[in-house]
Amino acid sequence: MGPGHSGADAASKVAQVVAVRATAERRAGDLAGGALIASVCPGIVDTAASRP
């Protein structure tokens, strides 16, 4: 990882994916009916807070 990146970035994205998968499992009936459950995991955004 380059400057401004941390393990917390990766961990938060993993947690988001796990949460969406868990939601999809709980809503399996809705998914069978054509519903869509989606997640977006953007990369780091260049801001003052993301710089070292």
N, C-alpha and C. Protein backbone atom coordinates (compact mmCIF):
# COMPACT_ATOMS: atom_id res chain seq x y z
N MET A 1 0.84 -1.18 0.00
CA MET A 1 0.00 0.00 0.00
C MET A 1 0.88 1.24 0.00
N GLY A 2 0.43 2.24 -0.72
CA GLY A 2 1.18 3.47 -0.80
C GLY A 2 0.87 4.40 0.36
N PRO A 3 1.44 5.58 0.33
CA PRO A 3 1.18 6.56 1.38
C PRO A 3 -0.31 6.88 1.48
N GLY A 4 -0.78 7.04 2.69
CA GLY A 4 -2.17 7.40 2.90
C GLY A 4 -3.11 6.21 2.95
N HIS A 5 -2.60 5.02 2.68
CA HIS A 5 -3.44 3.83 2.75
C HIS A 5 -3.16 3.10 4.06
N SER A 6 -4.17 2.46 4.59
CA SER A 6 -3.97 1.72 5.83
C SER A 6 -4.73 0.41 5.79
N GLY A 7 -4.43 -0.43 6.73
CA GLY A 7 -5.15 -1.69 6.86
C GLY A 7 -6.62 -1.45 7.14
N ALA A 8 -6.92 -0.31 7.76
CA ALA A 8 -8.32 0.01 8.06
C ALA A 8 -9.13 0.18 6.78
N ASP A 9 -8.51 0.70 5.73
CA ASP A 9 -9.21 0.85 4.44
C ASP A 9 -9.66 -0.52 3.93
N ALA A 10 -8.73 -1.47 3.91
CA ALA A 10 -9.04 -2.81 3.42
C ALA A 10 -10.05 -3.49 4.33
N ALA A 11 -9.87 -3.35 5.63
CA ALA A 11 -10.79 -3.99 6.57
C ALA A 11 -12.21 -3.46 6.43
N SER A 12 -12.35 -2.15 6.22
CA SER A 12 -13.70 -1.58 6.10
C SER A 12 -14.38 -2.06 4.82
N LYS A 13 -13.60 -2.25 3.75
CA LYS A 13 -14.19 -2.75 2.50
C LYS A 13 -14.61 -4.21 2.64
N VAL A 14 -13.79 -5.00 3.32
CA VAL A 14 -14.15 -6.40 3.57
C VAL A 14 -15.43 -6.46 4.40
N ALA A 15 -15.51 -5.63 5.43
CA ALA A 15 -16.70 -5.61 6.28
C ALA A 15 -17.95 -5.23 5.47
N GLN A 16 -17.81 -4.29 4.56
CA GLN A 16 -18.95 -3.88 3.74
C GLN A 16 -19.41 -5.03 2.85
N VAL A 17 -18.48 -5.73 2.24
CA VAL A 17 -18.83 -6.86 1.36
C VAL A 17 -19.51 -7.96 2.17
N VAL A 18 -18.99 -8.25 3.36
CA VAL A 18 -19.58 -9.28 4.21
C VAL A 18 -21.00 -8.87 4.62
N ALA A 19 -21.20 -7.61 4.95
CA ALA A 19 -22.54 -7.14 5.34
C ALA A 19 -23.53 -7.27 4.19
N VAL A 20 -23.10 -6.95 2.97
CA VAL A 20 -23.99 -7.07 1.81
C VAL A 20 -24.32 -8.53 1.54
N ARG A 21 -23.33 -9.41 1.66
CA ARG A 21 -23.59 -10.84 1.45
C ARG A 21 -24.55 -11.38 2.50
N ALA A 22 -24.40 -10.95 3.75
CA ALA A 22 -25.30 -11.39 4.81
C ALA A 22 -26.72 -10.89 4.55
N THR A 23 -26.84 -9.65 4.09
CA THR A 23 -28.16 -9.11 3.75
C THR A 23 -28.79 -9.90 2.61
N ALA A 24 -27.98 -10.23 1.62
CA ALA A 24 -28.49 -11.00 0.47
C ALA A 24 -28.99 -12.38 0.93
N GLU A 25 -28.27 -13.01 1.85
CA GLU A 25 -28.71 -14.31 2.35
C GLU A 25 -30.05 -14.20 3.08
N ARG A 26 -30.20 -13.16 3.87
CA ARG A 26 -31.44 -12.96 4.62
C ARG A 26 -32.62 -12.59 3.72
N ARG A 27 -32.31 -11.97 2.58
CA ARG A 27 -33.36 -11.51 1.67
C ARG A 27 -33.46 -12.40 0.45
N ALA A 28 -33.11 -13.67 0.58
CA ALA A 28 -33.08 -14.60 -0.55
C ALA A 28 -34.42 -14.64 -1.29
N GLY A 29 -35.54 -14.55 -0.58
CA GLY A 29 -36.85 -14.55 -1.22
C GLY A 29 -37.03 -13.35 -2.14
N ASP A 30 -36.56 -12.19 -1.70
CA ASP A 30 -36.65 -10.98 -2.54
C ASP A 30 -35.77 -11.11 -3.77
N LEU A 31 -34.59 -11.71 -3.58
CA LEU A 31 -33.67 -11.88 -4.71
C LEU A 31 -34.26 -12.81 -5.75
N ALA A 32 -34.95 -13.85 -5.28
CA ALA A 32 -35.59 -14.79 -6.20
C ALA A 32 -36.67 -14.07 -7.02
N GLY A 33 -37.25 -13.01 -6.44
CA GLY A 33 -38.28 -12.25 -7.14
C GLY A 33 -37.71 -11.18 -8.05
N GLY A 34 -36.39 -11.10 -8.17
CA GLY A 34 -35.79 -10.16 -9.09
C GLY A 34 -35.19 -8.92 -8.44
N ALA A 35 -35.22 -8.83 -7.10
CA ALA A 35 -34.63 -7.67 -6.43
C ALA A 35 -33.12 -7.72 -6.56
N LEU A 36 -32.48 -6.55 -6.46
CA LEU A 36 -31.03 -6.44 -6.57
C LEU A 36 -30.49 -5.82 -5.30
N ILE A 37 -29.48 -6.44 -4.74
CA ILE A 37 -28.78 -5.87 -3.59
C ILE A 37 -27.37 -5.58 -4.09
N ALA A 38 -26.96 -4.32 -4.01
CA ALA A 38 -25.67 -3.92 -4.57
C ALA A 38 -24.83 -3.20 -3.53
N SER A 39 -23.55 -3.16 -3.78
CA SER A 39 -22.60 -2.47 -2.92
C SER A 39 -21.54 -1.80 -3.80
N VAL A 40 -21.08 -0.63 -3.37
CA VAL A 40 -20.01 0.06 -4.07
C VAL A 40 -18.87 0.27 -3.08
N CYS A 41 -17.68 -0.17 -3.44
CA CYS A 41 -16.50 0.00 -2.60
C CYS A 41 -15.49 0.86 -3.34
N PRO A 42 -15.59 2.17 -3.22
CA PRO A 42 -14.68 3.04 -3.97
C PRO A 42 -13.25 2.96 -3.43
N GLY A 43 -12.32 3.34 -4.26
CA GLY A 43 -10.93 3.43 -3.82
C GLY A 43 -10.74 4.66 -2.97
N ILE A 44 -9.52 4.88 -2.55
CA ILE A 44 -9.24 6.04 -1.70
C ILE A 44 -9.47 7.33 -2.50
N VAL A 45 -10.02 8.33 -1.84
CA VAL A 45 -10.30 9.62 -2.45
C VAL A 45 -9.20 10.58 -1.98
N ASP A 46 -8.63 11.32 -2.91
CA ASP A 46 -7.54 12.23 -2.58
C ASP A 46 -8.08 13.46 -1.87
N THR A 47 -7.93 13.47 -0.55
CA THR A 47 -8.32 14.61 0.27
C THR A 47 -7.18 14.92 1.23
N ALA A 48 -7.27 16.02 1.94
CA ALA A 48 -6.25 16.35 2.92
C ALA A 48 -6.15 15.27 3.99
N ALA A 49 -7.26 14.66 4.35
CA ALA A 49 -7.25 13.62 5.38
C ALA A 49 -6.59 12.34 4.90
N SER A 50 -6.54 12.10 3.59
CA SER A 50 -5.95 10.86 3.09
C SER A 50 -4.45 10.99 2.80
N ARG A 51 -3.94 12.17 2.96
CA ARG A 51 -2.50 12.38 2.71
C ARG A 51 -1.71 12.21 3.99
N PRO A 52 -0.47 11.72 3.85
CA PRO A 52 0.36 11.53 5.07
C PRO A 52 0.73 12.84 5.73
